[in-house]
N, C-alpha and C. Protein backbone atom coordinates (compact mmCIF):
# COMPACT_ATOMS: atom_id res chain seq x y z
N MET A 1 14.91 12.20 10.08
CA MET A 1 14.15 12.19 8.84
C MET A 1 14.88 11.34 7.82
N TYR A 2 14.12 10.56 7.07
CA TYR A 2 14.68 9.68 6.05
C TYR A 2 14.37 10.25 4.67
N PRO A 3 15.37 10.40 3.83
CA PRO A 3 15.11 10.92 2.48
C PRO A 3 14.55 9.82 1.57
N VAL A 4 13.45 10.11 0.89
CA VAL A 4 12.88 9.21 -0.09
C VAL A 4 12.84 9.95 -1.41
N GLN A 5 13.47 9.38 -2.43
CA GLN A 5 13.52 10.01 -3.75
C GLN A 5 12.37 9.50 -4.60
N LEU A 6 11.68 10.43 -5.28
CA LEU A 6 10.59 10.09 -6.19
C LEU A 6 11.00 10.43 -7.60
N LYS A 7 10.76 9.52 -8.52
CA LYS A 7 11.04 9.75 -9.93
C LYS A 7 9.74 9.66 -10.70
N ARG A 8 9.33 10.79 -11.27
CA ARG A 8 8.12 10.80 -12.10
C ARG A 8 8.45 10.09 -13.41
N LEU A 9 7.64 9.15 -13.80
CA LEU A 9 7.89 8.40 -15.02
C LEU A 9 7.36 9.15 -16.24
N PRO A 10 8.01 8.99 -17.39
CA PRO A 10 7.63 9.74 -18.60
C PRO A 10 6.14 9.59 -18.92
N GLY A 11 5.55 10.70 -19.34
CA GLY A 11 4.14 10.71 -19.71
C GLY A 11 3.20 10.91 -18.55
N ASN A 12 3.74 11.15 -17.36
CA ASN A 12 2.90 11.31 -16.17
C ASN A 12 3.10 12.66 -15.49
N GLU A 13 3.49 13.64 -16.27
CA GLU A 13 3.73 14.98 -15.72
C GLU A 13 2.46 15.59 -15.11
N ASP A 14 1.30 15.14 -15.56
CA ASP A 14 0.03 15.68 -15.06
C ASP A 14 -0.50 14.96 -13.82
N VAL A 15 0.15 13.87 -13.41
CA VAL A 15 -0.31 13.10 -12.25
C VAL A 15 0.50 13.54 -11.03
N ALA A 16 -0.21 13.88 -9.98
CA ALA A 16 0.45 14.36 -8.75
C ALA A 16 1.30 13.25 -8.13
N LEU A 17 2.42 13.65 -7.58
CA LEU A 17 3.24 12.73 -6.79
C LEU A 17 2.56 12.52 -5.44
N PRO A 18 2.92 11.47 -4.71
CA PRO A 18 2.29 11.25 -3.40
C PRO A 18 2.43 12.47 -2.50
N ARG A 19 1.37 12.74 -1.73
CA ARG A 19 1.41 13.89 -0.84
C ARG A 19 0.49 13.66 0.36
N GLN A 20 0.90 14.27 1.47
CA GLN A 20 0.08 14.22 2.67
C GLN A 20 -1.06 15.21 2.51
N MET A 21 -2.25 14.79 2.90
CA MET A 21 -3.41 15.66 2.72
C MET A 21 -3.73 16.49 3.97
N SER A 22 -3.01 16.22 5.05
CA SER A 22 -3.11 17.07 6.23
C SER A 22 -1.75 17.07 6.92
N GLU A 23 -1.53 18.05 7.77
CA GLU A 23 -0.22 18.24 8.40
C GLU A 23 0.28 17.01 9.15
N TRP A 24 -0.61 16.30 9.83
CA TRP A 24 -0.20 15.17 10.66
C TRP A 24 -0.57 13.82 10.05
N ALA A 25 -0.92 13.80 8.78
CA ALA A 25 -1.30 12.54 8.13
C ALA A 25 -0.13 11.56 8.14
N ALA A 26 -0.41 10.32 8.48
CA ALA A 26 0.63 9.27 8.47
C ALA A 26 0.94 8.84 7.05
N GLY A 27 -0.07 8.87 6.19
CA GLY A 27 0.09 8.39 4.83
C GLY A 27 0.16 9.50 3.80
N PHE A 28 0.72 9.15 2.66
CA PHE A 28 0.80 10.03 1.50
C PHE A 28 -0.16 9.47 0.45
N ASP A 29 -1.13 10.25 0.01
CA ASP A 29 -2.08 9.76 -0.97
C ASP A 29 -1.38 9.52 -2.31
N VAL A 30 -1.77 8.42 -2.96
CA VAL A 30 -1.21 7.98 -4.23
C VAL A 30 -2.28 8.12 -5.30
N HIS A 31 -1.89 8.62 -6.46
CA HIS A 31 -2.82 8.93 -7.54
C HIS A 31 -2.72 7.94 -8.69
N ALA A 32 -3.84 7.70 -9.34
CA ALA A 32 -3.88 6.77 -10.48
C ALA A 32 -3.28 7.42 -11.72
N ALA A 33 -2.42 6.69 -12.39
CA ALA A 33 -1.82 7.15 -13.65
C ALA A 33 -2.33 6.29 -14.80
N VAL A 34 -3.64 6.01 -14.78
CA VAL A 34 -4.24 5.21 -15.86
C VAL A 34 -4.32 6.05 -17.12
N ALA A 35 -4.12 5.41 -18.27
CA ALA A 35 -4.17 6.12 -19.56
C ALA A 35 -5.58 6.57 -19.88
N GLU A 36 -6.56 5.77 -19.51
CA GLU A 36 -7.97 6.10 -19.69
C GLU A 36 -8.74 5.53 -18.51
N PRO A 37 -9.98 5.98 -18.28
CA PRO A 37 -10.73 5.50 -17.12
C PRO A 37 -10.81 3.97 -17.10
N VAL A 38 -10.73 3.41 -15.88
CA VAL A 38 -10.83 1.97 -15.68
C VAL A 38 -12.08 1.71 -14.87
N VAL A 39 -12.97 0.86 -15.40
CA VAL A 39 -14.19 0.50 -14.68
C VAL A 39 -13.91 -0.80 -13.93
N LEU A 40 -14.04 -0.72 -12.62
CA LEU A 40 -13.79 -1.87 -11.76
C LEU A 40 -15.15 -2.42 -11.32
N LYS A 41 -15.50 -3.59 -11.84
CA LYS A 41 -16.80 -4.20 -11.54
C LYS A 41 -16.75 -4.87 -10.17
N PRO A 42 -17.91 -5.08 -9.54
CA PRO A 42 -17.94 -5.77 -8.25
C PRO A 42 -17.21 -7.11 -8.34
N GLY A 43 -16.34 -7.37 -7.37
CA GLY A 43 -15.57 -8.61 -7.33
C GLY A 43 -14.33 -8.61 -8.19
N GLU A 44 -14.15 -7.60 -9.00
CA GLU A 44 -13.02 -7.54 -9.92
C GLU A 44 -11.82 -6.88 -9.24
N ARG A 45 -10.62 -7.24 -9.68
CA ARG A 45 -9.38 -6.62 -9.17
C ARG A 45 -8.57 -6.14 -10.35
N VAL A 46 -7.77 -5.10 -10.08
CA VAL A 46 -6.97 -4.49 -11.15
C VAL A 46 -5.71 -3.87 -10.54
N LEU A 47 -4.64 -3.88 -11.31
CA LEU A 47 -3.38 -3.27 -10.90
C LEU A 47 -3.32 -1.87 -11.52
N ILE A 48 -3.29 -0.86 -10.67
CA ILE A 48 -3.33 0.53 -11.11
C ILE A 48 -1.94 1.15 -11.05
N PRO A 49 -1.43 1.69 -12.17
CA PRO A 49 -0.13 2.37 -12.16
C PRO A 49 -0.24 3.72 -11.45
N THR A 50 0.88 4.19 -10.91
CA THR A 50 0.89 5.48 -10.21
C THR A 50 1.74 6.53 -10.91
N GLY A 51 2.54 6.12 -11.90
CA GLY A 51 3.34 7.09 -12.65
C GLY A 51 4.63 7.51 -11.98
N PHE A 52 5.03 6.81 -10.90
CA PHE A 52 6.30 7.15 -10.25
C PHE A 52 7.00 5.90 -9.75
N ALA A 53 8.31 6.04 -9.59
CA ALA A 53 9.15 5.03 -8.93
C ALA A 53 9.85 5.76 -7.79
N MET A 54 10.48 5.00 -6.91
CA MET A 54 11.13 5.67 -5.78
C MET A 54 12.35 4.89 -5.30
N ALA A 55 13.17 5.59 -4.55
CA ALA A 55 14.32 5.01 -3.87
C ALA A 55 14.27 5.48 -2.43
N MET A 56 14.40 4.55 -1.50
CA MET A 56 14.37 4.90 -0.09
C MET A 56 15.51 4.20 0.63
N PRO A 57 15.88 4.70 1.79
CA PRO A 57 16.95 4.07 2.54
C PRO A 57 16.61 2.64 2.94
N ARG A 58 17.64 1.86 3.12
CA ARG A 58 17.51 0.45 3.48
C ARG A 58 16.68 0.26 4.75
N GLU A 59 16.68 1.22 5.64
CA GLU A 59 15.97 1.09 6.92
C GLU A 59 14.46 1.20 6.78
N LEU A 60 13.97 1.51 5.58
CA LEU A 60 12.53 1.72 5.40
C LEU A 60 11.89 0.67 4.51
N GLU A 61 10.59 0.53 4.67
CA GLU A 61 9.72 -0.14 3.72
C GLU A 61 8.57 0.82 3.47
N ALA A 62 7.93 0.69 2.32
CA ALA A 62 6.74 1.48 2.04
C ALA A 62 5.56 0.52 2.03
N GLN A 63 4.49 0.89 2.70
CA GLN A 63 3.29 0.06 2.75
C GLN A 63 2.17 0.74 1.98
N ILE A 64 1.58 0.01 1.04
CA ILE A 64 0.43 0.51 0.30
C ILE A 64 -0.82 0.07 1.06
N ARG A 65 -1.63 1.05 1.40
CA ARG A 65 -2.84 0.80 2.18
C ARG A 65 -4.05 1.43 1.51
N PRO A 66 -5.25 0.92 1.84
CA PRO A 66 -6.47 1.50 1.27
C PRO A 66 -6.72 2.92 1.77
N ARG A 67 -7.51 3.65 1.02
CA ARG A 67 -8.03 4.93 1.51
C ARG A 67 -9.38 4.64 2.16
N SER A 68 -9.55 5.10 3.37
CA SER A 68 -10.77 4.77 4.12
C SER A 68 -12.03 5.28 3.44
N GLY A 69 -11.98 6.45 2.82
CA GLY A 69 -13.16 7.00 2.15
C GLY A 69 -13.62 6.12 0.99
N LEU A 70 -12.68 5.63 0.18
CA LEU A 70 -13.06 4.74 -0.93
C LEU A 70 -13.62 3.43 -0.41
N ALA A 71 -13.04 2.92 0.66
CA ALA A 71 -13.51 1.66 1.23
C ALA A 71 -14.93 1.82 1.79
N PHE A 72 -15.14 2.89 2.55
CA PHE A 72 -16.45 3.09 3.18
C PHE A 72 -17.54 3.43 2.17
N LYS A 73 -17.26 4.36 1.28
CA LYS A 73 -18.29 4.84 0.35
C LYS A 73 -18.55 3.91 -0.83
N HIS A 74 -17.52 3.19 -1.28
CA HIS A 74 -17.66 2.42 -2.52
C HIS A 74 -17.23 0.96 -2.43
N GLY A 75 -16.63 0.55 -1.30
CA GLY A 75 -16.16 -0.82 -1.18
C GLY A 75 -14.87 -1.08 -1.94
N ILE A 76 -14.13 -0.01 -2.28
CA ILE A 76 -12.87 -0.15 -3.01
C ILE A 76 -11.74 -0.24 -1.98
N THR A 77 -10.97 -1.31 -2.06
CA THR A 77 -9.88 -1.51 -1.11
C THR A 77 -8.69 -2.14 -1.81
N CYS A 78 -7.60 -2.27 -1.10
CA CYS A 78 -6.39 -2.88 -1.64
C CYS A 78 -6.32 -4.36 -1.24
N LEU A 79 -5.89 -5.18 -2.15
CA LEU A 79 -5.58 -6.57 -1.81
C LEU A 79 -4.16 -6.61 -1.30
N ASN A 80 -3.82 -7.70 -0.59
CA ASN A 80 -2.47 -7.85 -0.07
C ASN A 80 -2.10 -6.66 0.81
N THR A 81 -3.03 -6.30 1.68
CA THR A 81 -2.86 -5.10 2.49
C THR A 81 -2.24 -5.41 3.83
N PRO A 82 -1.23 -4.69 4.29
CA PRO A 82 -0.56 -3.69 3.45
C PRO A 82 0.39 -4.36 2.46
N GLY A 83 0.43 -3.81 1.28
CA GLY A 83 1.39 -4.28 0.29
C GLY A 83 2.75 -3.67 0.60
N THR A 84 3.76 -4.48 0.61
CA THR A 84 5.10 -4.01 0.97
C THR A 84 5.92 -3.69 -0.27
N ILE A 85 6.56 -2.52 -0.26
CA ILE A 85 7.53 -2.16 -1.28
C ILE A 85 8.88 -2.14 -0.57
N ASP A 86 9.79 -2.99 -1.03
CA ASP A 86 11.11 -3.10 -0.41
C ASP A 86 12.00 -1.95 -0.86
N ALA A 87 12.98 -1.65 -0.02
CA ALA A 87 13.89 -0.53 -0.28
C ALA A 87 14.71 -0.69 -1.55
N ASP A 88 14.90 -1.91 -2.02
CA ASP A 88 15.71 -2.10 -3.23
C ASP A 88 14.88 -2.18 -4.51
N TYR A 89 13.57 -2.00 -4.43
CA TYR A 89 12.71 -2.00 -5.63
C TYR A 89 12.78 -0.65 -6.33
N ARG A 90 12.97 -0.65 -7.64
CA ARG A 90 13.08 0.61 -8.38
C ARG A 90 12.06 0.72 -9.51
N GLY A 91 11.13 -0.20 -9.60
CA GLY A 91 10.12 -0.14 -10.65
C GLY A 91 8.97 0.78 -10.27
N GLU A 92 8.03 0.91 -11.20
CA GLU A 92 6.86 1.75 -10.94
C GLU A 92 6.05 1.20 -9.78
N VAL A 93 5.63 2.09 -8.90
CA VAL A 93 4.74 1.71 -7.80
C VAL A 93 3.35 1.49 -8.40
N LYS A 94 2.75 0.35 -8.07
CA LYS A 94 1.40 0.04 -8.55
C LYS A 94 0.54 -0.35 -7.36
N VAL A 95 -0.76 -0.19 -7.52
CA VAL A 95 -1.72 -0.44 -6.45
C VAL A 95 -2.69 -1.51 -6.90
N LEU A 96 -2.81 -2.58 -6.12
CA LEU A 96 -3.72 -3.67 -6.42
C LEU A 96 -5.06 -3.41 -5.74
N LEU A 97 -6.06 -3.02 -6.53
CA LEU A 97 -7.38 -2.68 -6.01
C LEU A 97 -8.38 -3.78 -6.29
N ILE A 98 -9.38 -3.89 -5.42
CA ILE A 98 -10.51 -4.78 -5.62
C ILE A 98 -11.79 -4.03 -5.26
N ASN A 99 -12.86 -4.34 -5.98
CA ASN A 99 -14.16 -3.74 -5.71
C ASN A 99 -14.99 -4.73 -4.90
N LEU A 100 -15.14 -4.47 -3.62
CA LEU A 100 -15.98 -5.29 -2.75
C LEU A 100 -17.38 -4.71 -2.62
N GLY A 101 -17.66 -3.65 -3.36
CA GLY A 101 -18.96 -3.00 -3.32
C GLY A 101 -19.97 -3.69 -4.23
N GLN A 102 -21.13 -3.06 -4.35
CA GLN A 102 -22.23 -3.61 -5.13
C GLN A 102 -22.32 -3.02 -6.54
N GLU A 103 -21.64 -1.90 -6.76
CA GLU A 103 -21.73 -1.19 -8.03
C GLU A 103 -20.37 -1.08 -8.70
N PRO A 104 -20.35 -0.98 -10.03
CA PRO A 104 -19.07 -0.71 -10.71
C PRO A 104 -18.51 0.64 -10.24
N PHE A 105 -17.20 0.74 -10.22
CA PHE A 105 -16.53 1.98 -9.80
C PHE A 105 -15.53 2.37 -10.87
N THR A 106 -15.58 3.62 -11.29
CA THR A 106 -14.68 4.11 -12.34
C THR A 106 -13.49 4.84 -11.71
N ILE A 107 -12.29 4.42 -12.10
CA ILE A 107 -11.06 5.05 -11.64
C ILE A 107 -10.57 5.97 -12.74
N GLU A 108 -10.50 7.25 -12.42
CA GLU A 108 -10.08 8.28 -13.38
C GLU A 108 -8.61 8.61 -13.20
N ARG A 109 -8.00 9.11 -14.25
CA ARG A 109 -6.61 9.55 -14.17
C ARG A 109 -6.49 10.65 -13.10
N GLY A 110 -5.48 10.53 -12.24
CA GLY A 110 -5.25 11.52 -11.20
C GLY A 110 -6.03 11.30 -9.93
N GLU A 111 -6.95 10.34 -9.92
CA GLU A 111 -7.75 10.08 -8.72
C GLU A 111 -6.88 9.47 -7.61
N ARG A 112 -7.15 9.86 -6.39
CA ARG A 112 -6.45 9.28 -5.24
C ARG A 112 -7.00 7.88 -5.00
N VAL A 113 -6.15 6.86 -5.10
CA VAL A 113 -6.62 5.47 -5.03
C VAL A 113 -6.11 4.68 -3.83
N ALA A 114 -5.07 5.17 -3.16
CA ALA A 114 -4.49 4.46 -2.01
C ALA A 114 -3.63 5.44 -1.25
N GLN A 115 -2.98 4.94 -0.21
CA GLN A 115 -2.01 5.76 0.51
C GLN A 115 -0.77 4.92 0.76
N ILE A 116 0.33 5.62 0.90
CA ILE A 116 1.60 4.97 1.15
C ILE A 116 2.10 5.44 2.50
N VAL A 117 2.47 4.49 3.36
CA VAL A 117 2.97 4.78 4.70
C VAL A 117 4.36 4.17 4.80
N PHE A 118 5.30 4.93 5.29
CA PHE A 118 6.68 4.46 5.42
C PHE A 118 6.92 3.98 6.85
N GLN A 119 7.58 2.83 6.98
CA GLN A 119 7.86 2.24 8.28
C GLN A 119 9.33 1.84 8.36
N ARG A 120 9.88 1.92 9.55
CA ARG A 120 11.25 1.42 9.79
C ARG A 120 11.22 -0.09 9.80
N VAL A 121 12.26 -0.68 9.26
CA VAL A 121 12.40 -2.14 9.25
C VAL A 121 13.65 -2.50 10.04
N PRO A 122 13.48 -3.17 11.17
CA PRO A 122 14.67 -3.54 11.94
C PRO A 122 15.47 -4.61 11.21
N GLN A 123 16.77 -4.55 11.35
CA GLN A 123 17.64 -5.58 10.81
C GLN A 123 17.64 -6.73 11.81
N VAL A 124 17.31 -7.92 11.35
CA VAL A 124 17.24 -9.08 12.24
C VAL A 124 18.11 -10.20 11.68
N SER A 125 18.46 -11.12 12.54
CA SER A 125 19.14 -12.34 12.08
C SER A 125 18.31 -13.52 12.57
N LEU A 126 18.04 -14.46 11.71
CA LEU A 126 17.28 -15.65 12.07
C LEU A 126 18.25 -16.72 12.54
N GLU A 127 17.86 -17.41 13.59
CA GLU A 127 18.74 -18.40 14.20
C GLU A 127 17.95 -19.68 14.48
N GLU A 128 18.39 -20.79 13.92
CA GLU A 128 17.72 -22.06 14.19
C GLU A 128 18.15 -22.57 15.56
N VAL A 129 17.15 -23.02 16.37
CA VAL A 129 17.42 -23.57 17.69
C VAL A 129 16.64 -24.87 17.85
N SER A 130 17.01 -25.67 18.82
CA SER A 130 16.28 -26.93 19.05
C SER A 130 15.11 -26.74 20.01
N GLU A 131 15.14 -25.71 20.84
CA GLU A 131 14.07 -25.42 21.80
C GLU A 131 13.84 -23.91 21.86
N LEU A 132 12.58 -23.53 22.13
CA LEU A 132 12.23 -22.11 22.31
C LEU A 132 12.00 -21.83 23.78
N THR A 133 12.15 -20.59 24.20
CA THR A 133 11.86 -20.23 25.58
C THR A 133 10.36 -20.36 25.84
N ASP A 134 9.99 -20.68 27.07
CA ASP A 134 8.58 -20.84 27.45
C ASP A 134 7.93 -19.49 27.72
N THR A 135 6.62 -19.42 27.48
CA THR A 135 5.80 -18.26 27.86
C THR A 135 4.50 -18.78 28.46
N VAL A 136 3.74 -17.91 29.10
CA VAL A 136 2.44 -18.30 29.65
C VAL A 136 1.52 -18.74 28.53
N ARG A 137 1.52 -18.05 27.41
CA ARG A 137 0.65 -18.39 26.29
C ARG A 137 1.03 -19.71 25.65
N GLY A 138 2.30 -19.98 25.56
CA GLY A 138 2.75 -21.23 24.95
C GLY A 138 2.34 -21.34 23.49
N GLU A 139 1.69 -22.46 23.16
CA GLU A 139 1.30 -22.71 21.76
C GLU A 139 -0.13 -22.31 21.47
N GLY A 140 -0.78 -21.58 22.38
CA GLY A 140 -2.16 -21.16 22.15
C GLY A 140 -2.25 -20.29 20.91
N GLY A 141 -3.12 -20.67 19.98
CA GLY A 141 -3.21 -19.98 18.70
C GLY A 141 -4.54 -19.28 18.52
N PHE A 142 -5.04 -19.31 17.31
CA PHE A 142 -6.28 -18.61 16.93
C PHE A 142 -7.41 -18.92 17.90
N GLY A 143 -7.96 -17.87 18.52
CA GLY A 143 -9.13 -18.00 19.38
C GLY A 143 -8.88 -18.64 20.73
N HIS A 144 -7.64 -18.78 21.13
CA HIS A 144 -7.37 -19.49 22.38
C HIS A 144 -7.83 -18.75 23.63
N THR A 145 -8.09 -17.43 23.50
CA THR A 145 -8.53 -16.67 24.68
C THR A 145 -10.05 -16.49 24.74
N GLY A 146 -10.78 -17.13 23.85
CA GLY A 146 -12.24 -17.03 23.84
C GLY A 146 -12.72 -16.26 22.63
N LYS A 147 -13.95 -15.73 22.74
CA LYS A 147 -14.56 -15.00 21.61
C LYS A 147 -13.73 -13.81 21.32
């Protein structure tokens, strides 16, 4: 188990910290800490504060992902998905939302707007070489295997 520290930011005592909504949920739902309701018009994007900051071990990253219910019912999703929060970031966690739906959508204080999933990040070293090893696929790129 990896310890992740959450710091509630001043003025957000009424906004829930991230939490799993079921016992086996992979993600922790994140709540909006908007000062007043935000109306997100179709095609519009907005950065939503969450009212908390966090510290996590170097071996982790946090990924901000959409909530499937908001995406399906209203067309509300996250841009830059998944959004990565690095282990050394200590600022407020924010969620970049876009309305891909047909109707304006109002984001209320305390509303669940995204989910955060924690993933292990392997430590790697990049090495410049003059040649790469061969594979059957080779340089086949987008669509190389057909439809």
